[in-house]
Protein backbone atom coordinates (compact mmCIF):
# COMPACT_ATOMS: atom_id res chain seq x y z
CA MET A 1 -17.73 8.49 -4.30
CA LEU A 2 -20.15 5.19 -3.18
CA ALA A 3 -17.35 3.03 -5.18
CA ALA A 4 -14.77 4.94 -3.98
CA LEU A 5 -16.22 3.94 -0.11
CA LEU A 6 -16.58 1.04 -1.16
CA LEU A 7 -13.22 0.49 -2.43
CA GLY A 8 -11.65 2.28 0.82
CA ILE A 9 -13.60 -1.19 2.97
CA ALA A 10 -12.38 -3.29 1.43
CA ALA A 11 -8.53 -1.86 0.92
CA GLY A 12 -8.61 -1.60 5.01
CA ALA A 13 -9.87 -5.78 5.48
CA LEU A 14 -7.68 -6.99 2.53
CA THR A 15 -4.12 -4.71 4.58
CA THR A 16 -5.40 -6.17 7.97
CA VAL A 17 -6.30 -9.99 7.01
CA SER A 18 -3.77 -10.79 4.57
CA GLY A 19 -0.81 -7.34 5.79
CA LEU A 20 -0.56 -6.41 2.31
CA GLY A 21 -2.45 -5.30 -0.84
CA GLY A 22 -5.10 -2.94 0.47
CA GLY A 23 -3.01 0.60 -0.35
CA GLN A 24 -3.25 -1.07 -4.53
CA LEU A 25 -6.61 -2.10 -4.56
CA LEU A 26 -7.21 1.17 -3.40
CA LEU A 27 -5.04 3.28 -5.34
CA LEU A 28 -5.45 0.77 -9.55
CA GLY A 29 -9.80 1.29 -8.02
CA LEU A 30 -9.66 4.98 -8.36
CA ALA A 31 -7.39 5.04 -11.03
CA ALA A 32 -10.19 3.25 -12.70
CA LEU A 33 -12.99 5.72 -11.53
CA TRP A 34 -10.52 8.51 -11.46
CA ASP A 35 -6.98 9.30 -13.00
CA PRO A 36 -3.61 8.48 -11.80
CA ARG A 37 -2.90 11.40 -10.71
CA ALA A 38 -5.39 12.12 -9.05
CA ALA A 39 -5.66 8.43 -7.58
CA LEU A 40 -2.17 9.22 -5.90
CA THR A 41 -2.75 11.90 -4.60
CA VAL A 42 -6.61 11.65 -1.95
CA THR A 43 -4.97 8.12 -1.62
CA GLY A 44 -2.16 9.31 0.56
CA PRO A 45 -3.84 10.80 3.94
CA ALA A 46 -6.21 8.39 3.47
CA LEU A 47 -4.04 5.72 3.63
CA LEU A 48 -2.48 7.51 5.70
CA VAL A 49 -5.53 7.77 8.86
CA GLY A 50 -5.51 3.75 7.42
CA ASN A 51 -2.42 3.09 8.65
CA VAL A 52 -1.98 5.03 11.61
CA HIS A 53 -5.35 3.29 12.99
CA ARG A 54 -3.91 -0.46 11.92
CA LEU A 55 -0.44 0.08 14.20
CA ALA A 56 -2.85 1.68 17.08
CA LEU A 57 -4.49 -1.78 17.15
CA PHE A 58 -1.33 -3.89 16.61
CA ARG A 59 1.30 -1.21 18.62
CA GLY A 60 1.47 -4.12 21.24
CA HIS A 61 3.20 -6.49 18.29
CA LEU A 62 5.94 -3.82 16.92
CA ASP A 63 9.81 -4.61 16.50
CA GLY A 64 11.51 -1.75 16.80
CA ARG A 65 14.64 -3.73 15.69
CA VAL A 66 13.12 -5.15 12.58
CA VAL A 67 10.92 -1.56 12.34
CA ARG A 68 13.69 1.09 12.67
CA PRO A 69 15.94 0.82 9.57
CA TYR A 70 13.17 -0.35 7.86
CA VAL A 71 10.85 3.18 8.07
CA LEU A 72 14.88 4.81 7.61
CA GLY A 73 14.78 3.93 4.18
CA ALA A 74 10.89 4.52 2.74
CA LEU A 75 10.96 8.46 4.52
CA PRO A 76 13.72 9.29 2.03
CA GLY A 77 12.96 6.46 -0.96
CA SER A 78 9.28 7.23 -1.10
CA LEU A 79 10.57 11.17 -1.32
CA LEU A 80 12.23 10.49 -4.40
CA GLY A 81 9.76 8.26 -6.13
CA GLY A 82 6.99 11.21 -5.04
CA LEU A 83 9.38 13.64 -6.70
CA ALA A 84 9.45 11.71 -9.66
CA ALA A 85 5.66 10.76 -9.39
CA VAL A 86 5.26 14.51 -10.47
CA SER A 87 7.56 15.05 -12.94
CA VAL A 88 6.42 12.18 -15.67
CA PRO A 89 3.75 12.29 -18.04
CA GLU A 90 0.64 11.00 -17.04
CA GLY A 91 0.15 7.76 -19.45
CA VAL A 92 4.01 6.60 -17.33
CA LEU A 93 2.15 6.74 -14.46
CA HIS A 94 -0.49 4.34 -16.24
CA VAL A 95 1.99 1.62 -17.30
CA ALA A 96 3.53 2.40 -13.71
CA MET A 97 1.26 1.01 -12.17
CA LEU A 98 0.01 -1.85 -14.77
CA GLY A 99 3.74 -2.71 -14.60
CA MET A 100 3.11 -3.66 -10.65
CA ALA A 101 0.07 -5.05 -10.77
CA GLY A 102 1.76 -7.76 -13.33
CA LEU A 103 4.66 -8.34 -11.52
CA ALA A 104 2.40 -8.65 -8.15
CA ALA A 105 0.49 -11.06 -10.04
CA LEU A 106 3.48 -13.38 -11.46
CA ARG A 107 4.88 -13.26 -7.41
CA ALA A 108 2.02 -14.77 -6.30
CA ALA A 109 0.87 -16.31 -9.08
CA THR A 110 4.22 -18.64 -8.91
CA GLY A 111 4.71 -18.32 -5.69
CA ALA A 112 8.04 -16.91 -5.04
CA ARG A 113 9.17 -15.82 -2.61
CA PHE A 114 13.18 -13.95 -1.64
CA THR A 115 15.32 -14.37 2.12
CA ALA A 116 16.45 -10.87 2.71
CA PRO A 117 19.81 -10.83 3.66
CA PRO A 118 21.63 -9.24 6.82
CA GLY A 119 20.76 -5.31 6.34
CA ALA A 120 18.66 -5.17 3.53
CA LEU A 121 15.89 -3.57 5.68
CA GLY A 122 17.12 -0.13 5.02
CA PRO A 123 17.45 0.28 0.81
CA GLY A 124 14.82 -2.35 0.93
CA GLY A 125 12.61 0.06 2.67
CA ALA A 126 13.74 2.94 0.18
CA VAL A 127 12.99 1.21 -2.98
CA VAL A 128 9.57 -0.29 -1.15
CA GLY A 129 8.48 3.69 -0.30
CA ALA A 130 10.09 4.85 -4.18
CA LEU A 131 7.05 1.74 -5.75
CA ALA A 132 4.24 2.95 -2.78
CA ALA A 133 4.91 6.83 -4.46
CA THR A 134 4.63 6.03 -8.18
CA GLY A 135 3.27 2.96 -8.82
CA GLY A 136 1.66 1.41 -5.93
CA GLY A 137 2.70 -2.23 -5.37
CA ALA A 138 4.71 -2.09 -2.01
CA GLY A 139 3.27 -5.06 -0.65
CA LEU A 140 5.38 -6.82 -4.11
CA ILE A 141 8.46 -6.18 -2.25
CA GLY A 142 7.88 -4.93 0.68
CA GLY A 143 5.50 -7.70 2.53
CA PRO A 144 8.71 -10.76 1.09
CA LEU A 145 11.01 -8.20 3.39
CA LEU A 146 9.12 -8.50 5.85
CA LEU A 147 8.79 -12.10 6.37
CA SER A 148 12.18 -12.86 5.67
CA ALA A 149 12.88 -10.16 8.64
CA GLY A 150 10.97 -12.76 10.45
CA LEU A 151 7.43 -11.43 11.74
CA THR A 152 4.33 -13.27 11.49
CA GLY A 153 1.20 -12.57 11.87
CA PRO A 154 -0.06 -9.89 13.51
CA GLY A 155 3.84 -8.56 13.70
CA TYR A 156 3.96 -8.59 10.35
CA VAL A 157 0.62 -5.98 9.88
CA ALA A 158 1.85 -3.82 12.67
CA ALA A 159 5.48 -3.74 10.98
CA GLY A 160 3.65 -3.63 7.90
CA ALA A 161 1.54 -0.70 8.92
CA ALA A 162 4.93 1.50 10.55
CA GLY A 163 6.49 1.41 7.15
CA ALA A 164 3.32 2.37 5.52
CA ILE A 165 2.67 5.69 7.47
CA THR A 166 6.33 6.59 6.63
CA MET A 167 5.28 6.35 3.16
CA HIS A 168 2.02 7.72 2.84
CA ILE A 169 4.31 10.77 5.19
CA GLY A 170 7.62 11.05 2.20
CA ARG A 171 5.05 11.00 -0.77
CA MET A 172 2.81 13.24 0.43
CA THR A 173 5.46 15.83 1.50
CA ALA A 174 6.18 15.44 -2.79
CA TYR A 175 2.64 16.40 -4.29
CA GLY A 176 2.36 19.37 -2.42
CA ALA A 177 5.34 20.78 -3.17
CA ALA A 178 4.10 19.84 -6.40
CA GLY A 179 0.81 21.49 -5.96
CA TRP A 180 -0.82 18.08 -5.94
CA MET A 181 -2.14 17.86 -1.97
CA THR A 182 -5.39 20.37 -2.55
CA ARG A 183 -8.17 21.07 0.02
CA GLU A 184 -10.63 19.65 -1.70
CA SER A 185 -8.26 16.18 -1.98
CA VAL A 186 -6.88 16.35 1.20
CA GLY A 187 -10.81 16.25 2.05
CA THR A 188 -11.70 13.21 0.38
CA GLY A 189 -8.61 11.50 1.25
CA LEU A 190 -10.33 11.50 4.39
CA LEU A 191 -13.70 10.77 3.67
CA LEU A 192 -11.33 7.73 2.25
CA ALA A 193 -9.75 7.26 5.35
CA VAL A 194 -12.80 7.25 7.04
CA ALA A 195 -13.80 4.00 5.34
CA VAL A 196 -10.28 2.17 5.65
CA MET A 197 -11.04 2.46 10.16
CA LEU A 198 -14.44 0.75 9.32
CA GLY A 199 -12.50 -1.82 6.71
CA ASN A 200 -9.80 -1.97 8.76
CA ALA A 201 -11.52 -2.99 12.08
CA VAL A 202 -13.91 -5.94 9.54
CA GLY A 203 -10.57 -6.88 9.19
CA VAL A 204 -9.80 -8.32 12.77
CA ARG A 205 -13.02 -9.74 12.90
CA LEU A 206 -12.48 -11.64 9.29
CA ARG A 207 -8.55 -12.67 10.73
CA ALA A 208 -10.40 -14.88 13.03
CA TRP A 209 -12.45 -17.02 10.90
CA VAL A 210 -9.96 -17.45 7.82
CA PRO A 211 -7.72 -20.13 8.49
CA ASP A 212 -3.80 -19.10 7.84
CA ASP A 213 -3.40 -21.47 4.99
CA TRP A 214 -5.82 -18.95 3.28
CA SER A 215 -4.03 -16.48 3.22
CA GLY A 216 -2.65 -16.99 -0.49
CA ARG A 217 -5.43 -17.85 -1.97
CA VAL A 218 -6.82 -14.12 -0.31
CA GLU A 219 -3.63 -12.75 -2.15
CA LEU A 220 -4.34 -14.01 -5.24
CA GLY A 221 -7.51 -13.42 -5.29
CA ALA A 222 -6.50 -9.66 -4.62
CA VAL A 223 -3.94 -9.20 -6.97
CA GLY A 224 -5.84 -10.67 -9.90
CA LEU A 225 -8.85 -7.37 -9.08
CA CYS A 226 -5.95 -5.07 -8.75
CA VAL A 227 -4.28 -6.34 -12.51
CA GLY A 228 -8.04 -5.95 -13.57
CA LEU A 229 -8.28 -2.89 -11.93
CA ALA A 230 -4.77 -1.47 -13.80
CA LEU A 231 -6.24 -2.98 -16.82
CA VAL A 232 -9.22 -1.03 -16.79
CA ALA A 233 -7.15 2.30 -15.23
CA GLY A 234 -5.14 1.97 -18.87
CA SER A 235 -8.22 1.96 -21.42
CA THR A 236 -9.39 4.75 -20.09
């Protein structure tokens, strides 16, 4: 359990510093420690509470013009993704997690970016929500999508947190309908939430020390770690 709590702290700090990556780090780390189903289940309440805390820290920077369509797409996307996750074999979840980690690594290594067309926030949010509910890696599309909407710095972190809250509500609803959400998993998730909030606080302090031009290095290092965790999870 200590390793899981340390992962929660690292996940909170990473997302608060860079705006993305912490959820995937926590998901893949727990999948390596336990199994994909347990990882998906317990990260729901952990990341939900962690993102509520992060949104509270950056609420003054929230841009409703961007966030509204994004969350309206994220909710049904995460609900459908969660329903898909509970209906496939565990091996498929392993493959999905590894695939998303690999794509994230490719994007980080090549520096590939995209510019979303007008009106893409809603459909893009739906895709991000579906990814969050199945194999993680929501930041692969969510990050560039929010950046292309003109968000940077604290505004970007706040929008990401608002979208993540919606996604975790959607996927937890689907997991609960399938009987995945038990009292034990919720309790473990809430304990991890405390670790994520601690990581958020650490991340707020680190933001003042991490230069803006280091964000790519932070992302690349985090993605490399995620790929390693995905490989470990797939081999267990």
